[in-house]
Amino acid sequence: MRGRRIEPPSGLPVRPTTDMARESLFNILNNYVDYDDCTVLDLFAGTGAVSVEFVSRGAADVTSVDVNNACCDFIRRTAERLALPNLHVVRADALELLKRHSRKYDIIFADPPYNMEESKELPGLVFDKELLTPDGIFVLEHPANLSFADHPHFWQHRAYGKVNFTFFAMELNDE
């Protein structure tokens, strides 16, 4: 599955994570995550490229959430074409889903639209609803003008060009 390109149709309302940033993200996660039996929630999934990457690295169960029908259809077709039975697609507003969700995940990844005001609320929703397992990691992709360094579960921040990732953890360690 590695090396296979995901070619989304034109017109999808997405801003995909760049290949370089996605590779950097997974290089970081590889140091902390055992993907076997790993459960992942991919919010604002867009093309599903991050979800597919998690599956390709051995994640046991990946749920992609997007509000856009065309995005969800594309992710479903990609999962069928690549024979990924452990990639599940949910068409929903990610914020509303978090507010009513109770399942725990090992990794939650969120890549909301950069102009979405509610992006600042995402860490609070994830931690208030206790949606991570004890060793769980929440990764938020966001514009450079947002800082989460004061959040009680802040772990680390990385920037790759215009792409910023903030990592949050249930159990903070000094690594």
N, C-alpha and C. Protein backbone atom coordinates (compact mmCIF):
# COMPACT_ATOMS: atom_id res chain seq x y z
N MET A 1 0.83 -1.19 0.00
CA MET A 1 0.00 0.00 0.00
C MET A 1 0.87 1.25 0.00
N ARG A 2 2.04 1.18 0.63
CA ARG A 2 2.92 2.34 0.63
C ARG A 2 3.32 2.67 -0.78
N GLY A 3 3.46 3.95 -1.03
CA GLY A 3 3.86 4.39 -2.35
C GLY A 3 2.70 4.57 -3.31
N ARG A 4 1.52 4.10 -2.94
CA ARG A 4 0.36 4.29 -3.80
C ARG A 4 -0.18 5.68 -3.58
N ARG A 5 -0.41 6.38 -4.65
CA ARG A 5 -0.87 7.76 -4.58
C ARG A 5 -2.38 7.81 -4.43
N ILE A 6 -2.82 8.76 -3.64
CA ILE A 6 -4.25 9.05 -3.54
C ILE A 6 -4.49 10.27 -4.41
N GLU A 7 -5.26 10.10 -5.44
CA GLU A 7 -5.53 11.19 -6.39
C GLU A 7 -6.98 11.66 -6.24
N PRO A 8 -7.22 12.64 -5.38
CA PRO A 8 -8.59 13.12 -5.19
C PRO A 8 -9.07 13.87 -6.42
N PRO A 9 -10.36 13.81 -6.66
CA PRO A 9 -10.91 14.58 -7.77
C PRO A 9 -10.80 16.07 -7.49
N SER A 10 -10.73 16.86 -8.53
CA SER A 10 -10.70 18.31 -8.33
C SER A 10 -12.05 18.74 -7.77
N GLY A 11 -12.04 19.82 -7.05
CA GLY A 11 -13.29 20.35 -6.52
C GLY A 11 -13.61 19.94 -5.10
N LEU A 12 -12.82 19.04 -4.50
CA LEU A 12 -13.07 18.73 -3.10
C LEU A 12 -12.65 19.93 -2.26
N PRO A 13 -13.47 20.30 -1.28
CA PRO A 13 -13.15 21.47 -0.46
C PRO A 13 -12.13 21.13 0.63
N VAL A 14 -10.89 20.88 0.22
CA VAL A 14 -9.87 20.43 1.17
C VAL A 14 -8.59 21.23 1.03
N ARG A 15 -7.79 21.18 2.09
CA ARG A 15 -6.44 21.71 2.11
C ARG A 15 -5.60 20.56 2.66
N PRO A 16 -5.20 19.63 1.79
CA PRO A 16 -4.51 18.44 2.29
C PRO A 16 -3.19 18.78 2.98
N THR A 17 -2.89 18.01 4.01
CA THR A 17 -1.59 18.12 4.67
C THR A 17 -0.53 17.78 3.63
N THR A 18 0.50 18.59 3.54
CA THR A 18 1.54 18.35 2.54
C THR A 18 2.23 17.02 2.81
N ASP A 19 2.75 16.43 1.75
CA ASP A 19 3.46 15.15 1.89
C ASP A 19 4.61 15.28 2.89
N MET A 20 5.36 16.38 2.80
CA MET A 20 6.50 16.57 3.70
C MET A 20 6.04 16.66 5.16
N ALA A 21 4.98 17.42 5.40
CA ALA A 21 4.47 17.57 6.77
C ALA A 21 3.92 16.24 7.28
N ARG A 22 3.21 15.51 6.41
CA ARG A 22 2.65 14.22 6.82
C ARG A 22 3.77 13.23 7.16
N GLU A 23 4.82 13.21 6.35
CA GLU A 23 5.96 12.33 6.62
C GLU A 23 6.61 12.72 7.95
N SER A 24 6.77 14.00 8.21
CA SER A 24 7.34 14.47 9.46
C SER A 24 6.47 14.08 10.65
N LEU A 25 5.17 14.22 10.50
CA LEU A 25 4.23 13.84 11.54
C LEU A 25 4.42 12.37 11.92
N PHE A 26 4.46 11.52 10.92
CA PHE A 26 4.59 10.09 11.20
C PHE A 26 5.98 9.73 11.71
N ASN A 27 7.00 10.47 11.33
CA ASN A 27 8.33 10.24 11.88
C ASN A 27 8.33 10.51 13.38
N ILE A 28 7.60 11.52 13.81
CA ILE A 28 7.48 11.82 15.25
C ILE A 28 6.68 10.72 15.94
N LEU A 29 5.51 10.40 15.39
CA LEU A 29 4.65 9.40 16.02
C LEU A 29 5.31 8.04 16.11
N ASN A 30 6.13 7.70 15.12
CA ASN A 30 6.80 6.38 15.12
C ASN A 30 7.63 6.16 16.37
N ASN A 31 8.11 7.23 16.99
CA ASN A 31 8.91 7.11 18.20
C ASN A 31 8.08 6.82 19.45
N TYR A 32 6.77 7.02 19.37
CA TYR A 32 5.92 6.92 20.55
C TYR A 32 4.76 5.94 20.42
N VAL A 33 4.48 5.50 19.20
CA VAL A 33 3.26 4.74 18.95
C VAL A 33 3.58 3.35 18.43
N ASP A 34 2.92 2.35 19.01
CA ASP A 34 2.92 1.01 18.45
C ASP A 34 1.59 0.88 17.72
N TYR A 35 1.65 0.84 16.40
CA TYR A 35 0.42 0.91 15.62
C TYR A 35 -0.43 -0.36 15.71
N ASP A 36 0.17 -1.49 16.09
CA ASP A 36 -0.61 -2.71 16.25
C ASP A 36 -1.68 -2.47 17.31
N ASP A 37 -2.89 -2.83 17.01
CA ASP A 37 -4.04 -2.65 17.90
C ASP A 37 -4.37 -1.19 18.17
N CYS A 38 -3.78 -0.27 17.43
CA CYS A 38 -4.00 1.16 17.62
C CYS A 38 -5.35 1.58 17.01
N THR A 39 -6.09 2.38 17.77
CA THR A 39 -7.33 2.94 17.24
C THR A 39 -7.12 4.43 16.99
N VAL A 40 -7.62 4.89 15.84
CA VAL A 40 -7.36 6.26 15.39
C VAL A 40 -8.67 6.92 14.99
N LEU A 41 -8.81 8.18 15.37
CA LEU A 41 -9.92 9.03 14.92
C LEU A 41 -9.31 10.17 14.13
N ASP A 42 -9.68 10.28 12.86
CA ASP A 42 -9.17 11.32 11.96
C ASP A 42 -10.31 12.30 11.70
N LEU A 43 -10.22 13.48 12.32
CA LEU A 43 -11.28 14.49 12.21
C LEU A 43 -10.96 15.47 11.09
N PHE A 44 -12.00 15.90 10.37
CA PHE A 44 -11.84 16.77 9.21
C PHE A 44 -10.95 16.05 8.20
N ALA A 45 -11.29 14.82 7.89
CA ALA A 45 -10.43 13.89 7.16
C ALA A 45 -10.14 14.29 5.72
N GLY A 46 -11.00 15.08 5.10
CA GLY A 46 -10.73 15.55 3.74
C GLY A 46 -10.56 14.43 2.74
N THR A 47 -9.36 14.27 2.20
CA THR A 47 -9.09 13.22 1.21
C THR A 47 -8.88 11.86 1.85
N GLY A 48 -8.67 11.83 3.17
CA GLY A 48 -8.41 10.56 3.86
C GLY A 48 -6.96 10.13 3.81
N ALA A 49 -6.07 10.97 3.30
CA ALA A 49 -4.66 10.57 3.16
C ALA A 49 -4.03 10.22 4.50
N VAL A 50 -4.35 10.98 5.55
CA VAL A 50 -3.78 10.69 6.86
C VAL A 50 -4.35 9.37 7.38
N SER A 51 -5.64 9.15 7.18
CA SER A 51 -6.26 7.88 7.60
C SER A 51 -5.61 6.69 6.91
N VAL A 52 -5.42 6.80 5.61
CA VAL A 52 -4.79 5.72 4.85
C VAL A 52 -3.37 5.47 5.34
N GLU A 53 -2.67 6.55 5.67
CA GLU A 53 -1.30 6.41 6.19
C GLU A 53 -1.30 5.65 7.51
N PHE A 54 -2.25 5.93 8.38
CA PHE A 54 -2.34 5.19 9.64
C PHE A 54 -2.58 3.71 9.37
N VAL A 55 -3.50 3.39 8.47
CA VAL A 55 -3.78 1.99 8.14
C VAL A 55 -2.53 1.33 7.57
N SER A 56 -1.82 2.04 6.68
CA SER A 56 -0.64 1.46 6.05
C SER A 56 0.46 1.16 7.06
N ARG A 57 0.42 1.83 8.19
CA ARG A 57 1.42 1.60 9.24
C ARG A 57 0.96 0.58 10.26
N GLY A 58 -0.21 -0.02 10.01
CA GLY A 58 -0.66 -1.12 10.84
C GLY A 58 -1.74 -0.80 11.85
N ALA A 59 -2.30 0.41 11.85
CA ALA A 59 -3.37 0.72 12.80
C ALA A 59 -4.53 -0.26 12.61
N ALA A 60 -5.04 -0.75 13.72
CA ALA A 60 -6.08 -1.77 13.68
C ALA A 60 -7.43 -1.22 13.25
N ASP A 61 -7.71 0.02 13.64
CA ASP A 61 -9.03 0.58 13.37
C ASP A 61 -8.90 2.09 13.21
N VAL A 62 -9.32 2.60 12.06
CA VAL A 62 -9.24 4.03 11.77
C VAL A 62 -10.61 4.52 11.37
N THR A 63 -11.06 5.58 12.01
CA THR A 63 -12.35 6.20 11.68
C THR A 63 -12.07 7.60 11.13
N SER A 64 -12.51 7.81 9.88
CA SER A 64 -12.37 9.11 9.21
C SER A 64 -13.69 9.85 9.31
N VAL A 65 -13.62 11.09 9.76
CA VAL A 65 -14.82 11.90 9.92
C VAL A 65 -14.69 13.15 9.07
N ASP A 66 -15.71 13.38 8.26
CA ASP A 66 -15.78 14.62 7.48
C ASP A 66 -17.25 14.95 7.26
N VAL A 67 -17.56 16.23 7.17
CA VAL A 67 -18.94 16.67 6.99
C VAL A 67 -19.34 16.68 5.52
N ASN A 68 -18.36 16.67 4.63
CA ASN A 68 -18.62 16.81 3.20
C ASN A 68 -18.90 15.44 2.55
N ASN A 69 -20.04 15.33 1.88
CA ASN A 69 -20.42 14.07 1.23
C ASN A 69 -19.39 13.61 0.21
N ALA A 70 -18.90 14.54 -0.61
CA ALA A 70 -17.93 14.17 -1.65
C ALA A 70 -16.64 13.64 -1.03
N CYS A 71 -16.20 14.25 0.06
CA CYS A 71 -14.99 13.76 0.74
C CYS A 71 -15.23 12.36 1.30
N CYS A 72 -16.36 12.16 1.95
CA CYS A 72 -16.67 10.84 2.51
C CYS A 72 -16.75 9.78 1.42
N ASP A 73 -17.40 10.11 0.32
CA ASP A 73 -17.50 9.17 -0.80
C ASP A 73 -16.11 8.82 -1.33
N PHE A 74 -15.25 9.83 -1.46
CA PHE A 74 -13.91 9.59 -1.97
C PHE A 74 -13.12 8.68 -1.02
N ILE A 75 -13.21 8.92 0.29
CA ILE A 75 -12.50 8.08 1.26
C ILE A 75 -13.03 6.65 1.19
N ARG A 76 -14.35 6.48 1.09
CA ARG A 76 -14.93 5.14 0.98
C ARG A 76 -14.41 4.42 -0.26
N ARG A 77 -14.40 5.12 -1.39
CA ARG A 77 -13.91 4.51 -2.64
C ARG A 77 -12.43 4.15 -2.51
N THR A 78 -11.66 5.01 -1.89
CA THR A 78 -10.23 4.73 -1.68
C THR A 78 -10.06 3.49 -0.81
N ALA A 79 -10.83 3.40 0.27
CA ALA A 79 -10.75 2.24 1.16
C ALA A 79 -11.12 0.96 0.42
N GLU A 80 -12.13 1.02 -0.43
CA GLU A 80 -12.51 -0.16 -1.22
C GLU A 80 -11.43 -0.51 -2.23
N ARG A 81 -10.92 0.48 -2.94
CA ARG A 81 -9.91 0.25 -3.98
C ARG A 81 -8.63 -0.34 -3.38
N LEU A 82 -8.26 0.11 -2.18
CA LEU A 82 -7.04 -0.37 -1.54
C LEU A 82 -7.30 -1.56 -0.60
N ALA A 83 -8.55 -2.01 -0.54
CA ALA A 83 -8.95 -3.13 0.32
C ALA A 83 -8.54 -2.87 1.78
N LEU A 84 -9.13 -1.83 2.35
CA LEU A 84 -8.85 -1.43 3.73
C LEU A 84 -10.11 -1.60 4.58
N PRO A 85 -10.41 -2.81 5.00
CA PRO A 85 -11.65 -3.02 5.77
C PRO A 85 -11.65 -2.36 7.14
N ASN A 86 -10.47 -1.98 7.65
CA ASN A 86 -10.40 -1.35 8.97
C ASN A 86 -10.42 0.18 8.89
N LEU A 87 -10.75 0.72 7.72
CA LEU A 87 -10.91 2.17 7.55
C LEU A 87 -12.41 2.44 7.43
N HIS A 88 -12.95 3.14 8.41
CA HIS A 88 -14.39 3.42 8.47
C HIS A 88 -14.62 4.91 8.26
N VAL A 89 -15.69 5.23 7.57
CA VAL A 89 -15.99 6.63 7.25
C VAL A 89 -17.29 7.03 7.93
N VAL A 90 -17.26 8.18 8.58
CA VAL A 90 -18.45 8.73 9.23
C VAL A 90 -18.66 10.13 8.67
N ARG A 91 -19.84 10.36 8.10
CA ARG A 91 -20.17 11.71 7.64
C ARG A 91 -20.81 12.43 8.82
N ALA A 92 -20.09 13.42 9.35
CA ALA A 92 -20.59 14.15 10.51
C ALA A 92 -19.80 15.44 10.68
N ASP A 93 -20.40 16.38 11.37
CA ASP A 93 -19.69 17.58 11.80
C ASP A 93 -18.78 17.14 12.95
N ALA A 94 -17.48 17.34 12.79
CA ALA A 94 -16.51 16.84 13.77
C ALA A 94 -16.75 17.40 15.17
N LEU A 95 -17.07 18.67 15.27
CA LEU A 95 -17.31 19.26 16.59
C LEU A 95 -18.52 18.64 17.27
N GLU A 96 -19.58 18.47 16.50
CA GLU A 96 -20.79 17.86 17.07
C GLU A 96 -20.54 16.41 17.45
N LEU A 97 -19.77 15.70 16.64
CA LEU A 97 -19.45 14.31 16.94
C LEU A 97 -18.67 14.24 18.26
N LEU A 98 -17.68 15.12 18.43
CA LEU A 98 -16.90 15.10 19.68
C LEU A 98 -17.78 15.37 20.89
N LYS A 99 -18.75 16.25 20.75
CA LYS A 99 -19.61 16.61 21.89
C LYS A 99 -20.46 15.44 22.36
N ARG A 100 -20.78 14.50 21.45
CA ARG A 100 -21.66 13.39 21.84
C ARG A 100 -20.95 12.04 21.81
N HIS A 101 -19.67 12.03 21.55
CA HIS A 101 -18.90 10.79 21.39
C HIS A 101 -18.36 10.33 22.74
N SER A 102 -18.18 9.01 22.89
CA SER A 102 -17.62 8.52 24.15
C SER A 102 -16.54 7.46 23.95
N ARG A 103 -16.33 7.01 22.74
CA ARG A 103 -15.31 5.99 22.48
C ARG A 103 -13.91 6.58 22.71
N LYS A 104 -13.01 5.76 23.23
CA LYS A 104 -11.63 6.20 23.46
C LYS A 104 -10.75 5.75 22.29
N TYR A 105 -9.77 6.58 21.97
CA TYR A 105 -8.83 6.31 20.88
C TYR A 105 -7.40 6.44 21.38
N ASP A 106 -6.51 5.73 20.69
CA ASP A 106 -5.09 5.86 20.98
C ASP A 106 -4.52 7.13 20.36
N ILE A 107 -5.04 7.49 19.19
CA ILE A 107 -4.61 8.70 18.50
C ILE A 107 -5.84 9.40 17.93
N ILE A 108 -5.90 10.69 18.16
CA ILE A 108 -6.90 11.54 17.49
C ILE A 108 -6.11 12.58 16.72
N PHE A 109 -6.39 12.67 15.43
CA PHE A 109 -5.75 13.66 14.57
C PHE A 109 -6.84 14.58 14.05
N ALA A 110 -6.61 15.88 14.11
CA ALA A 110 -7.59 16.85 13.61
C ALA A 110 -6.90 17.88 12.73
N ASP A 111 -7.46 18.08 11.55
CA ASP A 111 -6.95 19.06 10.60
C ASP A 111 -8.12 19.94 10.15
N PRO A 112 -8.61 20.79 11.07
CA PRO A 112 -9.77 21.63 10.73
C PRO A 112 -9.39 22.72 9.73
N PRO A 113 -10.39 23.30 9.08
CA PRO A 113 -10.09 24.45 8.21
C PRO A 113 -9.34 25.52 9.02
N TYR A 114 -8.33 26.11 8.44
CA TYR A 114 -7.51 27.07 9.16
C TYR A 114 -8.31 28.29 9.63
N ASN A 115 -9.39 28.61 8.96
CA ASN A 115 -10.19 29.77 9.36
C ASN A 115 -11.30 29.41 10.34
N MET A 116 -11.33 28.21 10.83
CA MET A 116 -12.39 27.77 11.74
C MET A 116 -12.10 28.26 13.16
N GLU A 117 -12.92 29.18 13.64
CA GLU A 117 -12.75 29.75 14.98
C GLU A 117 -12.75 28.69 16.07
N GLU A 118 -13.57 27.67 15.91
CA GLU A 118 -13.73 26.65 16.95
C GLU A 118 -12.51 25.73 17.09
N SER A 119 -11.50 25.91 16.24
CA SER A 119 -10.28 25.09 16.36
C SER A 119 -9.71 25.15 17.76
N LYS A 120 -9.82 26.31 18.38
CA LYS A 120 -9.29 26.51 19.73
C LYS A 120 -9.99 25.62 20.76
N GLU A 121 -11.22 25.21 20.44
CA GLU A 121 -12.01 24.39 21.37
C GLU A 121 -11.66 22.91 21.30
N LEU A 122 -11.02 22.47 20.24
CA LEU A 122 -10.81 21.04 20.02
C LEU A 122 -10.05 20.34 21.16
N PRO A 123 -8.93 20.88 21.63
CA PRO A 123 -8.25 20.17 22.73
C PRO A 123 -9.15 20.03 23.96
N GLY A 124 -9.88 21.08 24.29
CA GLY A 124 -10.79 21.00 25.43
C GLY A 124 -11.84 19.93 25.26
N LEU A 125 -12.43 19.84 24.08
CA LEU A 125 -13.43 18.80 23.83
C LEU A 125 -12.84 17.41 23.98
N VAL A 126 -11.68 17.19 23.38
CA VAL A 126 -11.04 15.87 23.44
C VAL A 126 -10.76 15.47 24.89
N PHE A 127 -10.22 16.39 25.68
CA PHE A 127 -9.83 16.04 27.05
C PHE A 127 -11.00 16.08 28.02
N ASP A 128 -11.93 17.01 27.84
CA ASP A 128 -13.10 17.05 28.72
C ASP A 128 -13.96 15.81 28.55
N LYS A 129 -14.04 15.31 27.33
CA LYS A 129 -14.84 14.10 27.05
C LYS A 129 -14.04 12.82 27.28
N GLU A 130 -12.76 12.96 27.65
CA GLU A 130 -11.89 11.82 27.94
C GLU A 130 -11.90 10.81 26.78
N LEU A 131 -11.60 11.31 25.58
CA LEU A 131 -11.67 10.48 24.38
C LEU A 131 -10.36 9.76 24.05
N LEU A 132 -9.32 9.99 24.83
CA LEU A 132 -8.05 9.31 24.60
C LEU A 132 -7.83 8.20 25.63
N THR A 133 -7.14 7.16 25.19
CA THR A 133 -6.70 6.12 26.12
C THR A 133 -5.61 6.73 27.02
N PRO A 134 -5.23 6.06 28.10
CA PRO A 134 -4.22 6.65 29.01
C PRO A 134 -2.92 7.07 28.32
N ASP A 135 -2.47 6.34 27.32
CA ASP A 135 -1.26 6.70 26.59
C ASP A 135 -1.57 7.45 25.31
N GLY A 136 -2.80 7.92 25.17
CA GLY A 136 -3.26 8.52 23.92
C GLY A 136 -2.60 9.84 23.58
N ILE A 137 -2.60 10.13 22.27
CA ILE A 137 -2.02 11.36 21.74
C ILE A 137 -3.07 12.05 20.87
N PHE A 138 -3.21 13.34 21.06
CA PHE A 138 -4.05 14.17 20.20
C PHE A 138 -3.14 15.09 19.41
N VAL A 139 -3.30 15.09 18.09
CA VAL A 139 -2.49 15.94 17.22
C VAL A 139 -3.42 16.91 16.51
N LEU A 140 -3.13 18.19 16.62
CA LEU A 140 -3.93 19.23 15.98
C LEU A 140 -3.07 19.96 14.97
N GLU A 141 -3.52 19.97 13.72
CA GLU A 141 -2.87 20.77 12.69
C GLU A 141 -3.56 22.13 12.68
N HIS A 142 -2.77 23.20 12.67
CA HIS A 142 -3.36 24.53 12.80
C HIS A 142 -2.45 25.59 12.20
N PRO A 143 -3.00 26.79 12.00
CA PRO A 143 -2.16 27.88 11.48
C PRO A 143 -1.19 28.38 12.55
N ALA A 144 -0.16 29.07 12.11
CA ALA A 144 0.90 29.53 13.01
C ALA A 144 0.41 30.52 14.07
N ASN A 145 -0.69 31.20 13.82
CA ASN A 145 -1.15 32.22 14.77
C ASN A 145 -1.82 31.62 16.01
N LEU A 146 -2.02 30.32 16.05
CA LEU A 146 -2.60 29.69 17.24
C LEU A 146 -1.50 29.04 18.06
N SER A 147 -1.58 29.22 19.37
CA SER A 147 -0.64 28.57 20.27
C SER A 147 -1.42 27.86 21.37
N PHE A 148 -0.99 26.67 21.68
CA PHE A 148 -1.65 25.88 22.72
C PHE A 148 -0.67 25.55 23.84
N ALA A 149 0.43 26.28 23.92
CA ALA A 149 1.49 26.00 24.88
C ALA A 149 1.00 26.05 26.33
N ASP A 150 -0.08 26.79 26.60
CA ASP A 150 -0.59 26.89 27.96
C ASP A 150 -1.61 25.81 28.30
N HIS A 151 -1.96 24.97 27.34
CA HIS A 151 -2.95 23.91 27.61
C HIS A 151 -2.34 22.88 28.56
N PRO A 152 -3.09 22.42 29.54
CA PRO A 152 -2.53 21.49 30.53
C PRO A 152 -2.01 20.17 29.93
N HIS A 153 -2.49 19.79 28.76
CA HIS A 153 -2.04 18.54 28.14
C HIS A 153 -1.08 18.79 26.97
N PHE A 154 -0.62 20.04 26.83
CA PHE A 154 0.33 20.36 25.77
C PHE A 154 1.57 19.50 25.95
N TRP A 155 2.06 18.95 24.83
CA TRP A 155 3.25 18.11 24.88
C TRP A 155 4.38 18.72 24.05
N GLN A 156 4.08 18.99 22.77
CA GLN A 156 5.09 19.59 21.92
C GLN A 156 4.46 20.24 20.70
N HIS A 157 5.21 21.13 20.09
CA HIS A 157 4.77 21.83 18.89
C HIS A 157 5.85 21.69 17.83
N ARG A 158 5.43 21.46 16.60
CA ARG A 158 6.37 21.36 15.48
C ARG A 158 5.80 22.15 14.31
N ALA A 159 6.67 22.83 13.59
CA ALA A 159 6.27 23.59 12.41
C ALA A 159 7.06 23.10 11.21
N TYR A 160 6.34 22.92 10.11
CA TYR A 160 6.93 22.49 8.84
C TYR A 160 6.39 23.43 7.76
N GLY A 161 7.14 24.46 7.45
CA GLY A 161 6.63 25.47 6.53
C GLY A 161 5.42 26.15 7.17
N LYS A 162 4.32 26.17 6.46
CA LYS A 162 3.09 26.79 6.99
C LYS A 162 2.26 25.82 7.81
N VAL A 163 2.71 24.58 7.90
CA VAL A 163 1.97 23.56 8.63
C VAL A 163 2.50 23.49 10.07
N ASN A 164 1.59 23.59 11.02
CA ASN A 164 1.92 23.50 12.44
C ASN A 164 1.17 22.34 13.07
N PHE A 165 1.89 21.54 13.82
CA PHE A 165 1.28 20.45 14.57
C PHE A 165 1.51 20.72 16.05
N THR A 166 0.45 20.64 16.83
CA THR A 166 0.60 20.64 18.28
C THR A 166 0.17 19.28 18.77
N PHE A 167 1.02 18.69 19.61
CA PHE A 167 0.77 17.37 20.17
C PHE A 167 0.34 17.54 21.62
N PHE A 168 -0.69 16.81 21.97
CA PHE A 168 -1.20 16.79 23.34
C PHE A 168 -1.19 15.34 23.80
N ALA A 169 -0.99 15.12 25.09
CA ALA A 169 -0.96 13.76 25.61
C ALA A 169 -1.70 13.68 26.93
N MET A 170 -2.34 12.52 27.14
CA MET A 170 -3.00 12.27 28.41
C MET A 170 -1.96 12.24 29.53
N GLU A 171 -0.94 11.42 29.32
CA GLU A 171 0.14 11.29 30.30
C GLU A 171 1.35 11.98 29.72
N LEU A 172 1.72 13.09 30.29
CA LEU A 172 2.87 13.82 29.78
C LEU A 172 4.16 13.20 30.26
N ASN A 173 5.10 13.07 29.32
CA ASN A 173 6.43 12.61 29.71
C ASN A 173 7.44 13.60 29.17
N ASP A 174 8.60 13.57 29.69
CA ASP A 174 9.61 14.58 29.36
C ASP A 174 10.46 14.23 28.14
N GLU A 175 10.03 13.29 27.33
CA GLU A 175 10.83 12.89 26.17
C GLU A 175 10.83 13.96 25.12
